[in-house]
PDB file of N, CA and C in Angstrom:
ATOM      1  N   UNK A   1      10.914  21.128 -10.386  1.00  0.00           N
ATOM      2  CA  UNK A   1      10.387  19.331  -9.733  1.00  0.00           C
ATOM      3  C   UNK A   1      11.401  18.905  -9.248  1.00  0.00           C
ATOM      4  N   UNK A   2      12.852  18.441  -9.856  1.00  0.00           N
ATOM      5  CA  UNK A   2      13.445  17.993  -8.767  1.00  0.00           C
ATOM      6  C   UNK A   2      13.614  18.372  -7.427  1.00  0.00           C
ATOM      7  N   UNK A   3      13.279  19.499  -7.184  1.00  0.00           N
ATOM      8  CA  UNK A   3      13.510  19.951  -5.490  1.00  0.00           C
ATOM      9  C   UNK A   3      11.896  19.137  -4.753  1.00  0.00           C
ATOM     10  N   UNK A   4      11.136  18.906  -5.506  1.00  0.00           N
ATOM     11  CA  UNK A   4      10.010  18.540  -4.874  1.00  0.00           C
ATOM     12  C   UNK A   4      10.420  16.483  -5.134  1.00  0.00           C
ATOM     13  N   UNK A   5      10.998  16.437  -6.039  1.00  0.00           N
ATOM     14  CA  UNK A   5      11.618  14.655  -6.281  1.00  0.00           C
ATOM     15  C   UNK A   5      12.362  14.892  -4.915  1.00  0.00           C
ATOM     16  N   UNK A   6      13.103  15.382  -4.746  1.00  0.00           N
ATOM     17  CA  UNK A   6      14.262  15.775  -4.030  1.00  0.00           C
ATOM     18  C   UNK A   6      13.058  14.909  -2.284  1.00  0.00           C
ATOM     19  N   UNK A   7      12.258  15.973  -1.726  1.00  0.00           N
ATOM     20  CA  UNK A   7      11.797  16.217  -1.048  1.00  0.00           C
ATOM     21  C   UNK A   7      11.171  15.134  -0.603  1.00  0.00           C
ATOM     22  N   UNK A   8      10.635  14.199  -1.672  1.00  0.00           N
ATOM     23  CA  UNK A   8      10.042  13.158  -1.521  1.00  0.00           C
ATOM     24  C   UNK A   8      10.765  11.686  -1.300  1.00  0.00           C
ATOM     25  N   UNK A   9      11.929  12.041  -1.602  1.00  0.00           N
ATOM     26  CA  UNK A   9      12.596  11.114  -1.602  1.00  0.00           C
ATOM     27  C   UNK A   9      13.458  11.220   0.093  1.00  0.00           C
ATOM     28  N   UNK A  10      14.063  12.139   0.130  1.00  0.00           N
ATOM     29  CA  UNK A  10      14.037  12.455   1.826  1.00  0.00           C
ATOM     30  C   UNK A  10      13.180  12.037   2.481  1.00  0.00           C
ATOM     31  N   UNK A  11      11.592  12.404   2.508  1.00  0.00           N
ATOM     32  CA  UNK A  11      10.459  12.025   3.137  1.00  0.00           C
ATOM     33  C   UNK A  11      10.712  10.622   3.231  1.00  0.00           C
ATOM     34  N   UNK A  12      10.837   9.662   2.252  1.00  0.00           N
ATOM     35  CA  UNK A  12      11.331   7.802   1.598  1.00  0.00           C
ATOM     36  C   UNK A  12      11.857   7.538   2.489  1.00  0.00           C
ATOM     37  N   UNK A  13      13.269   7.903   3.161  1.00  0.00           N
ATOM     38  CA  UNK A  13      14.323   7.648   3.661  1.00  0.00           C
ATOM     39  C   UNK A  13      14.108   7.548   5.356  1.00  0.00           C
ATOM     40  N   UNK A  14      13.549   8.809   5.990  1.00  0.00           N
ATOM     41  CA  UNK A  14      13.192   8.637   7.032  1.00  0.00           C
ATOM     42  C   UNK A  14      12.107   7.321   6.946  1.00  0.00           C
ATOM     43  N   UNK A  15      10.938   7.595   6.789  1.00  0.00           N
ATOM     44  CA  UNK A  15      10.622   6.608   7.117  1.00  0.00           C
ATOM     45  C   UNK A  15      10.802   5.164   6.878  1.00  0.00           C
ATOM     46  N   UNK A  16      11.993   4.774   6.372  1.00  0.00           N
ATOM     47  CA  UNK A  16      12.580   3.355   6.064  1.00  0.00           C
ATOM     48  C   UNK A  16      13.313   3.626   7.436  1.00  0.00           C
ATOM     49  N   UNK A  17      14.280   4.573   7.844  1.00  0.00           N
ATOM     50  CA  UNK A  17      14.500   4.522   9.130  1.00  0.00           C
ATOM     51  C   UNK A  17      13.587   4.599   9.723  1.00  0.00           C
ATOM     52  N   UNK A  18      12.709   5.183  10.187  1.00  0.00           N
ATOM     53  CA  UNK A  18      11.755   5.068  10.987  1.00  0.00           C
ATOM     54  C   UNK A  18      11.654   3.297  11.531  1.00  0.00           C
ATOM     55  N   UNK A  19      10.948   2.568  10.001  1.00  0.00           N
ATOM     56  CA  UNK A  19      10.498   1.369   9.826  1.00  0.00           C
ATOM     57  C   UNK A  19      11.658   0.684  10.151  1.00  0.00           C
ATOM     58  N   UNK A  20      12.780   0.512  10.172  1.00  0.00           N
ATOM     59  CA  UNK A  20      14.096  -0.261  10.263  1.00  0.00           C
ATOM     60  C   UNK A  20      13.989  -0.207  11.841  1.00  0.00           C
ATOM     61  N   UNK A  21      13.886   1.005  12.882  1.00  0.00           N
ATOM     62  CA  UNK A  21      13.652   1.048  14.628  1.00  0.00           C
ATOM     63  C   UNK A  21      12.440   0.534  14.707  1.00  0.00           C
ATOM     64  N   UNK A  22      11.650   0.179  14.175  1.00  0.00           N
ATOM     65  CA  UNK A  22      10.463   0.193  14.842  1.00  0.00           C
ATOM     66  C   UNK A  22       9.382  -0.997  14.175  1.00  0.00           C
ATOM     67  N   UNK A  23       9.869  -2.376  14.342  1.00  0.00           N
ATOM     68  CA  UNK A  23       9.897  -3.915  13.628  1.00  0.00           C
ATOM     69  C   UNK A  23       8.521  -3.793  12.899  1.00  0.00           C
ATOM     70  N   UNK A  24       7.126  -4.079  14.236  1.00  0.00           N
ATOM     71  CA  UNK A  24       5.729  -4.507  13.539  1.00  0.00           C
ATOM     72  C   UNK A  24       5.506  -3.039  12.443  1.00  0.00           C
ATOM     73  N   UNK A  25       5.818  -1.879  12.946  1.00  0.00           N
ATOM     74  CA  UNK A  25       5.087  -0.875  11.863  1.00  0.00           C
ATOM     75  C   UNK A  25       6.255  -1.207  10.351  1.00  0.00           C
ATOM     76  N   UNK A  26       7.175  -1.905  10.007  1.00  0.00           N
ATOM     77  CA  UNK A  26       7.954  -2.260   9.245  1.00  0.00           C
ATOM     78  C   UNK A  26       6.956  -3.145   8.603  1.00  0.00           C
ATOM     79  N   UNK A  27       6.494  -4.869   9.330  1.00  0.00           N
ATOM     80  CA  UNK A  27       5.597  -5.283   9.079  1.00  0.00           C
ATOM     81  C   UNK A  27       4.865  -4.668   8.468  1.00  0.00           C
ATOM     82  N   UNK A  28       4.188  -4.459   8.738  1.00  0.00           N
ATOM     83  CA  UNK A  28       2.863  -3.722   8.430  1.00  0.00           C
ATOM     84  C   UNK A  28       2.300  -3.260   6.996  1.00  0.00           C
ATOM     85  N   UNK A  29       3.012  -1.952   7.115  1.00  0.00           N
ATOM     86  CA  UNK A  29       3.975  -1.467   6.163  1.00  0.00           C
ATOM     87  C   UNK A  29       4.307  -2.803   4.646  1.00  0.00           C
ATOM     88  N   UNK A  30       5.223  -3.521   4.737  1.00  0.00           N
ATOM     89  CA  UNK A  30       5.265  -4.282   3.274  1.00  0.00           C
ATOM     90  C   UNK A  30       4.303  -5.265   3.511  1.00  0.00           C
ATOM     91  N   UNK A  31       3.432  -5.594   4.230  1.00  0.00           N
ATOM     92  CA  UNK A  31       2.018  -5.581   4.075  1.00  0.00           C
ATOM     93  C   UNK A  31       0.832  -5.562   3.214  1.00  0.00           C
ATOM     94  N   UNK A  32       1.111  -4.256   3.649  1.00  0.00           N
ATOM     95  CA  UNK A  32       0.046  -3.482   2.563  1.00  0.00           C
ATOM     96  C   UNK A  32       0.709  -2.855   1.525  1.00  0.00           C
ATOM     97  N   UNK A  33       2.347  -2.789   1.104  1.00  0.00           N
ATOM     98  CA  UNK A  33       2.494  -2.170   0.195  1.00  0.00           C
ATOM     99  C   UNK A  33       2.520  -4.000  -0.572  1.00  0.00           C
ATOM    100  N   UNK A  34       2.665  -4.889   0.023  1.00  0.00           N
ATOM    101  CA  UNK A  34       2.687  -6.336  -0.459  1.00  0.00           C
ATOM    102  C   UNK A  34       1.125  -6.144  -2.016  1.00  0.00           C
ATOM    103  N   UNK A  35       0.244  -6.021  -0.953  1.00  0.00           N
ATOM    104  CA  UNK A  35      -1.069  -6.046  -1.267  1.00  0.00           C
ATOM    105  C   UNK A  35      -1.598  -5.153  -2.741  1.00  0.00           C
ATOM    106  N   UNK A  36      -0.888  -3.857  -2.287  1.00  0.00           N
ATOM    107  CA  UNK A  36      -0.952  -2.887  -3.532  1.00  0.00           C
ATOM    108  C   UNK A  36      -0.188  -3.254  -4.470  1.00  0.00           C
ATOM    109  N   UNK A  37       0.480  -3.424  -4.342  1.00  0.00           N
ATOM    110  CA  UNK A  37       1.206  -4.603  -5.909  1.00  0.00           C
ATOM    111  C   UNK A  37       0.692  -5.154  -6.054  1.00  0.00           C
ATOM    112  N   UNK A  38       0.103  -5.979  -5.918  1.00  0.00           N
ATOM    113  CA  UNK A  38      -0.488  -7.405  -6.143  1.00  0.00           C
ATOM    114  C   UNK A  38      -2.010  -7.398  -6.512  1.00  0.00           C
ATOM    115  N   UNK A  39      -2.581  -5.590  -6.438  1.00  0.00           N
ATOM    116  CA  UNK A  39      -3.543  -5.326  -7.187  1.00  0.00           C
ATOM    117  C   UNK A  39      -3.324  -4.519  -8.416  1.00  0.00           C
ATOM    118  N   UNK A  40      -2.118  -3.691  -8.465  1.00  0.00           N
ATOM    119  CA  UNK A  40      -1.844  -3.303  -9.681  1.00  0.00           C
ATOM    120  C   UNK A  40      -1.528  -4.006 -10.518  1.00  0.00           C
ATOM    121  N   UNK A  41      -0.924  -5.536 -10.334  1.00  0.00           N
ATOM    122  CA  UNK A  41      -0.659  -6.200 -11.043  1.00  0.00           C
ATOM    123  C   UNK A  41      -1.342  -7.293 -11.872  1.00  0.00           C
ATOM    124  N   UNK A  42      -2.529  -7.562 -10.886  1.00  0.00           N
ATOM    125  CA  UNK A  42      -4.139  -7.967 -11.470  1.00  0.00           C
ATOM    126  C   UNK A  42      -4.672  -6.822 -12.438  1.00  0.00           C
ATOM    127  N   UNK A  43      -4.680  -5.749 -12.253  1.00  0.00           N
ATOM    128  CA  UNK A  43      -5.495  -4.703 -12.843  1.00  0.00           C
ATOM    129  C   UNK A  43      -4.526  -4.900 -14.222  1.00  0.00           C
ATOM    130  N   UNK A  44      -3.173  -4.436 -14.561  1.00  0.00           N
ATOM    131  CA  UNK A  44      -2.534  -5.084 -15.768  1.00  0.00           C
ATOM    132  C   UNK A  44      -2.235  -5.893 -16.471  1.00  0.00           C
ATOM    133  N   UNK A  45      -2.987  -6.929 -15.986  1.00  0.00           N
ATOM    134  CA  UNK A  45      -3.008  -8.448 -16.227  1.00  0.00           C
ATOM    135  C   UNK A  45      -4.328  -8.438 -17.330  1.00  0.00           C
ATOM    136  N   UNK A  46      -5.130  -7.751 -16.541  1.00  0.00           N
ATOM    137  CA  UNK A  46      -6.604  -7.742 -17.051  1.00  0.00           C
ATOM    138  C   UNK A  46      -6.693  -6.825 -18.170  1.00  0.00           C
ATOM    139  N   UNK A  47      -6.004  -5.794 -17.751  1.00  0.00           N
ATOM    140  CA  UNK A  47      -5.931  -4.773 -19.301  1.00  0.00           C
ATOM    141  C   UNK A  47      -5.275  -5.683 -20.562  1.00  0.00           C
ATOM    142  N   UNK A  48      -4.456  -6.397 -20.228  1.00  0.00           N
ATOM    143  CA  UNK A  48      -3.371  -7.213 -20.957  1.00  0.00           C
ATOM    144  C   UNK A  48      -4.695  -7.776 -21.435  1.00  0.00           C
ATOM    145  N   UNK A  49      -5.187  -8.413 -20.907  1.00  0.00           N
ATOM    146  CA  UNK A  49      -6.292  -9.658 -21.607  1.00  0.00           C
ATOM    147  C   UNK A  49      -7.521  -8.691 -22.361  1.00  0.00           C
ATOM    148  N   UNK A  50      -7.842  -8.078 -21.757  1.00  0.00           N
ATOM    149  CA  UNK A  50      -9.029  -6.979 -22.760  1.00  0.00           C
ATOM    150  C   UNK A  50      -8.329  -6.646 -24.045  1.00  0.00           C
ATOM    151  N   UNK A  51      -6.914  -5.993 -23.740  1.00  0.00           N
ATOM    152  CA  UNK A  51      -6.397  -5.950 -25.190  1.00  0.00           C
ATOM    153  C   UNK A  51      -6.156  -7.089 -25.638  1.00  0.00           C
ATOM    154  N   UNK A  52      -6.413  -8.153 -25.823  1.00  0.00           N
ATOM    155  CA  UNK A  52      -5.584  -9.227 -27.122  1.00  0.00           C
ATOM    156  C   UNK A  52      -6.884  -9.962 -27.466  1.00  0.00           C
ATOM    157  N   UNK A  53      -8.551  -9.390 -27.029  1.00  0.00           N
ATOM    158  CA  UNK A  53      -9.135  -9.545 -27.173  1.00  0.00           C
ATOM    159  C   UNK A  53     -10.372  -8.927 -27.736  1.00  0.00           C
ATOM    160  N   UNK A  54      -9.695  -7.184 -28.436  1.00  0.00           N
ATOM    161  CA  UNK A  54     -10.394  -6.392 -29.409  1.00  0.00           C
ATOM    162  C   UNK A  54      -9.746  -6.894 -31.066  1.00  0.00           C
TER     163      UNK A  54
END
């Protein structure tokens, strides 16, 4: 498990280096990440609201 996690973190770091070198790519990825986080937060809020009504 730790080896696989290390592999993921190495890949993540490589992508961060690439993003730093290519600003348009970095900007687009950050926009997509923000949108994804906002969707997940809305889902959590909806689940919490549903839990309050039960």
